Amino acid sequence: MREFNGEYKIIHETTLHDIGDGIPSDENLLKISEIFKILGDPTRLKIMFSILKTELCVCDIAELIDTTPSAVSHQLRNLKQLRLVTSRRSGKEIYYSLADEHVEKLFEIALEHAEDGK
C-alpha cells in the first residue's frame, strides 16, 4: 500500500511491473511522438497514401493530391527526415516510396481502423 493525499491505495506491483516493462524508453517515446506529430497533417497523409503501393515522382504526387510540386517537395523533406519515406534517382527524376514495411503497416492499420467505424 502507498499513501496518496492522506489515503492508502493498494498498489499491484506485479501488474505495474509487467506494464512498466512495455512502456518504451523516453528516447523512443520522443521519436514516436515526432512521427505522430508529422503525420497529423492532411497533406502529408495524402502524400503517404499516394505512395503506399507504388513509388511516384514529385510531379505525379502533386498532380494526384492537387497541390504544387514545391509544396510536395517540402513535405517529402520533412517525411524523409523521420525516415518515413525513401527516395531513388532515375535520371533527372527522384521517385519516393514508403521507407519500409513498418510504415506501410502503420498506414494500412490506420486506414482499417478509420474505415471500421467503431
C-alpha atoms as a PDB file:
ATOM      1  CA  MET A   1       0.000   0.000   0.000  1.00  0.00           C
ATOM      2  CA  ARG A   2       1.036   3.563  -0.643  1.00  0.00           C
ATOM      3  CA  GLU A   3      -0.310   6.776   0.747  1.00  0.00           C
ATOM      4  CA  PHE A   4      -1.788   9.307  -1.709  1.00  0.00           C
ATOM      5  CA  ASN A   5      -3.309  12.526  -0.360  1.00  0.00           C
ATOM      6  CA  GLY A   6      -3.888  11.033   3.071  1.00  0.00           C
ATOM      7  CA  GLU A   7      -5.493   7.835   1.706  1.00  0.00           C
ATOM      8  CA  TYR A   8      -3.924   4.452   1.350  1.00  0.00           C
ATOM      9  CA  LYS A   9      -4.169   2.823  -2.058  1.00  0.00           C
ATOM     10  CA  ILE A  10      -3.333  -0.761  -2.935  1.00  0.00           C
ATOM     11  CA  ILE A  11      -0.520  -0.947  -5.458  1.00  0.00           C
ATOM     12  CA  HIS A  12      -0.465  -4.011  -7.664  1.00  0.00           C
ATOM     13  CA  GLU A  13       3.293  -4.179  -8.019  1.00  0.00           C
ATOM     14  CA  THR A  14       3.406  -7.268 -10.234  1.00  0.00           C
ATOM     15  CA  THR A  15       0.892  -5.780 -12.658  1.00  0.00           C
ATOM     16  CA  LEU A  16       2.627  -2.417 -12.641  1.00  0.00           C
ATOM     17  CA  HIS A  17       5.990  -4.071 -13.215  1.00  0.00           C
ATOM     18  CA  ASP A  18       4.635  -6.049 -16.193  1.00  0.00           C
ATOM     19  CA  ILE A  19       3.037  -2.937 -17.705  1.00  0.00           C
ATOM     20  CA  GLY A  20       6.050  -0.763 -16.970  1.00  0.00           C
ATOM     21  CA  ASP A  21       8.281  -3.116 -18.931  1.00  0.00           C
ATOM     22  CA  GLY A  22       6.103  -2.466 -22.002  1.00  0.00           C
ATOM     23  CA  ILE A  23       6.460   1.323 -21.934  1.00  0.00           C
ATOM     24  CA  PRO A  24       9.192   2.443 -24.351  1.00  0.00           C
ATOM     25  CA  SER A  25      12.167   4.499 -23.221  1.00  0.00           C
ATOM     26  CA  ASP A  26      11.830   8.278 -23.121  1.00  0.00           C
ATOM     27  CA  GLU A  27      14.056   8.473 -26.199  1.00  0.00           C
ATOM     28  CA  ASN A  28      11.791   6.149 -28.184  1.00  0.00           C
ATOM     29  CA  LEU A  29       8.652   7.897 -26.904  1.00  0.00           C
ATOM     30  CA  LEU A  30      10.051  11.169 -28.243  1.00  0.00           C
ATOM     31  CA  LYS A  31      10.694   9.561 -31.649  1.00  0.00           C
ATOM     32  CA  ILE A  32       7.164   8.113 -31.741  1.00  0.00           C
ATOM     33  CA  SER A  33       5.730  11.491 -30.734  1.00  0.00           C
ATOM     34  CA  GLU A  34       7.578  13.178 -33.615  1.00  0.00           C
ATOM     35  CA  ILE A  35       6.222  10.599 -36.064  1.00  0.00           C
ATOM     36  CA  PHE A  36       2.639  11.155 -34.944  1.00  0.00           C
ATOM     37  CA  LYS A  37       3.108  14.942 -34.999  1.00  0.00           C
ATOM     38  CA  ILE A  38       4.302  14.946 -38.592  1.00  0.00           C
ATOM     39  CA  LEU A  39       1.514  12.580 -39.616  1.00  0.00           C
ATOM     40  CA  GLY A  40      -1.069  14.942 -38.130  1.00  0.00           C
ATOM     41  CA  ASP A  41      -1.140  16.995 -41.339  1.00  0.00           C
ATOM     42  CA  PRO A  42      -3.690  16.056 -44.050  1.00  0.00           C
ATOM     43  CA  THR A  43      -1.339  16.992 -46.908  1.00  0.00           C
ATOM     44  CA  ARG A  44       1.415  14.754 -45.566  1.00  0.00           C
ATOM     45  CA  LEU A  45      -1.108  11.966 -45.086  1.00  0.00           C
ATOM     46  CA  LYS A  46      -2.252  12.323 -48.696  1.00  0.00           C
ATOM     47  CA  ILE A  47       1.359  12.101 -49.820  1.00  0.00           C
ATOM     48  CA  MET A  48       1.934   8.989 -47.727  1.00  0.00           C
ATOM     49  CA  PHE A  49      -1.211   7.284 -49.014  1.00  0.00           C
ATOM     50  CA  SER A  50      -0.336   8.198 -52.602  1.00  0.00           C
ATOM     51  CA  ILE A  51       2.921   6.253 -52.336  1.00  0.00           C
ATOM     52  CA  LEU A  52       1.534   3.414 -50.230  1.00  0.00           C
ATOM     53  CA  LYS A  53       1.576   0.867 -53.050  1.00  0.00           C
ATOM     54  CA  THR A  54       3.996   2.319 -55.596  1.00  0.00           C
ATOM     55  CA  GLU A  55       6.753   4.866 -55.867  1.00  0.00           C
ATOM     56  CA  LEU A  56       5.983   8.199 -57.518  1.00  0.00           C
ATOM     57  CA  CYS A  57       7.884  11.310 -58.531  1.00  0.00           C
ATOM     58  CA  VAL A  58       7.099  14.721 -57.014  1.00  0.00           C
ATOM     59  CA  CYS A  59       5.179  15.954 -60.063  1.00  0.00           C
ATOM     60  CA  ASP A  60       2.931  12.858 -60.053  1.00  0.00           C
ATOM     61  CA  ILE A  61       2.261  13.189 -56.336  1.00  0.00           C
ATOM     62  CA  ALA A  62       1.461  16.892 -56.764  1.00  0.00           C
ATOM     63  CA  GLU A  63      -0.986  16.114 -59.566  1.00  0.00           C
ATOM     64  CA  LEU A  64      -2.585  13.297 -57.593  1.00  0.00           C
ATOM     65  CA  ILE A  65      -3.194  15.348 -54.451  1.00  0.00           C
ATOM     66  CA  ASP A  66      -3.877  18.632 -56.277  1.00  0.00           C
ATOM     67  CA  THR A  67      -1.064  20.783 -54.924  1.00  0.00           C
ATOM     68  CA  THR A  68       2.188  22.260 -56.176  1.00  0.00           C
ATOM     69  CA  PRO A  69       5.412  20.287 -56.683  1.00  0.00           C
ATOM     70  CA  SER A  70       7.236  22.693 -54.360  1.00  0.00           C
ATOM     71  CA  ALA A  71       4.711  22.014 -51.576  1.00  0.00           C
ATOM     72  CA  VAL A  72       5.122  18.273 -52.095  1.00  0.00           C
ATOM     73  CA  SER A  73       8.932  18.552 -52.074  1.00  0.00           C
ATOM     74  CA  HIS A  74       8.815  20.482 -48.816  1.00  0.00           C
ATOM     75  CA  GLN A  75       6.602  17.871 -47.160  1.00  0.00           C
ATOM     76  CA  LEU A  76       8.688  14.988 -48.511  1.00  0.00           C
ATOM     77  CA  ARG A  77      11.792  16.555 -46.954  1.00  0.00           C
ATOM     78  CA  ASN A  78      10.035  16.528 -43.565  1.00  0.00           C
ATOM     79  CA  LEU A  79       8.891  12.927 -44.027  1.00  0.00           C
ATOM     80  CA  LYS A  80      12.342  11.830 -45.139  1.00  0.00           C
ATOM     81  CA  GLN A  81      13.963  13.360 -42.038  1.00  0.00           C
ATOM     82  CA  LEU A  82      11.905  10.992 -39.882  1.00  0.00           C
ATOM     83  CA  ARG A  83      12.715   8.035 -42.152  1.00  0.00           C
ATOM     84  CA  LEU A  84       9.083   7.593 -43.209  1.00  0.00           C
ATOM     85  CA  VAL A  85       9.863   7.873 -46.919  1.00  0.00           C
ATOM     86  CA  THR A  86      12.829   6.995 -49.058  1.00  0.00           C
ATOM     87  CA  SER A  87      13.901   8.134 -52.497  1.00  0.00           C
ATOM     88  CA  ARG A  88      15.823   6.921 -55.519  1.00  0.00           C
ATOM     89  CA  ARG A  89      17.084   8.840 -58.503  1.00  0.00           C
ATOM     90  CA  SER A  90      16.419   7.764 -62.061  1.00  0.00           C
ATOM     91  CA  GLY A  91      17.996  10.253 -64.460  1.00  0.00           C
ATOM     92  CA  LYS A  92      16.619  13.659 -63.547  1.00  0.00           C
ATOM     93  CA  GLU A  93      13.609  12.260 -61.692  1.00  0.00           C
ATOM     94  CA  ILE A  94      13.514  11.354 -57.997  1.00  0.00           C
ATOM     95  CA  TYR A  95      10.996   8.703 -57.014  1.00  0.00           C
ATOM     96  CA  TYR A  96       9.606   8.438 -53.499  1.00  0.00           C
ATOM     97  CA  SER A  97       8.189   5.452 -51.659  1.00  0.00           C
ATOM     98  CA  LEU A  98       7.410   4.472 -48.102  1.00  0.00           C
ATOM     99  CA  ALA A  99      10.587   3.709 -46.192  1.00  0.00           C
ATOM    100  CA  ASP A 100       9.791   0.142 -45.198  1.00  0.00           C
ATOM    101  CA  GLU A 101       7.123  -2.418 -44.358  1.00  0.00           C
ATOM    102  CA  HIS A 102       6.658  -0.934 -40.860  1.00  0.00           C
ATOM    103  CA  VAL A 103       5.471   2.367 -42.301  1.00  0.00           C
ATOM    104  CA  GLU A 104       3.255   0.530 -44.785  1.00  0.00           C
ATOM    105  CA  LYS A 105       1.658  -1.496 -41.982  1.00  0.00           C
ATOM    106  CA  LEU A 106       1.127   1.654 -39.913  1.00  0.00           C
ATOM    107  CA  PHE A 107      -0.884   3.213 -42.737  1.00  0.00           C
ATOM    108  CA  GLU A 108      -2.808   0.069 -43.587  1.00  0.00           C
ATOM    109  CA  ILE A 109      -3.796  -0.408 -39.951  1.00  0.00           C
ATOM    110  CA  ALA A 110      -4.733   3.279 -39.546  1.00  0.00           C
ATOM    111  CA  LEU A 111      -6.943   3.121 -42.641  1.00  0.00           C
ATOM    112  CA  GLU A 112      -8.529  -0.121 -41.478  1.00  0.00           C
ATOM    113  CA  HIS A 113      -9.243   1.445 -38.100  1.00  0.00           C
ATOM    114  CA  ALA A 114     -10.736   4.579 -39.686  1.00  0.00           C
ATOM    115  CA  GLU A 115     -12.940   2.561 -42.017  1.00  0.00           C
ATOM    116  CA  ASP A 116     -14.088   0.192 -39.271  1.00  0.00           C
ATOM    117  CA  GLY A 117     -16.229   2.921 -37.693  1.00  0.00           C
ATOM    118  CA  LYS A 118     -16.100   1.532 -34.172  1.00  0.00           C
END
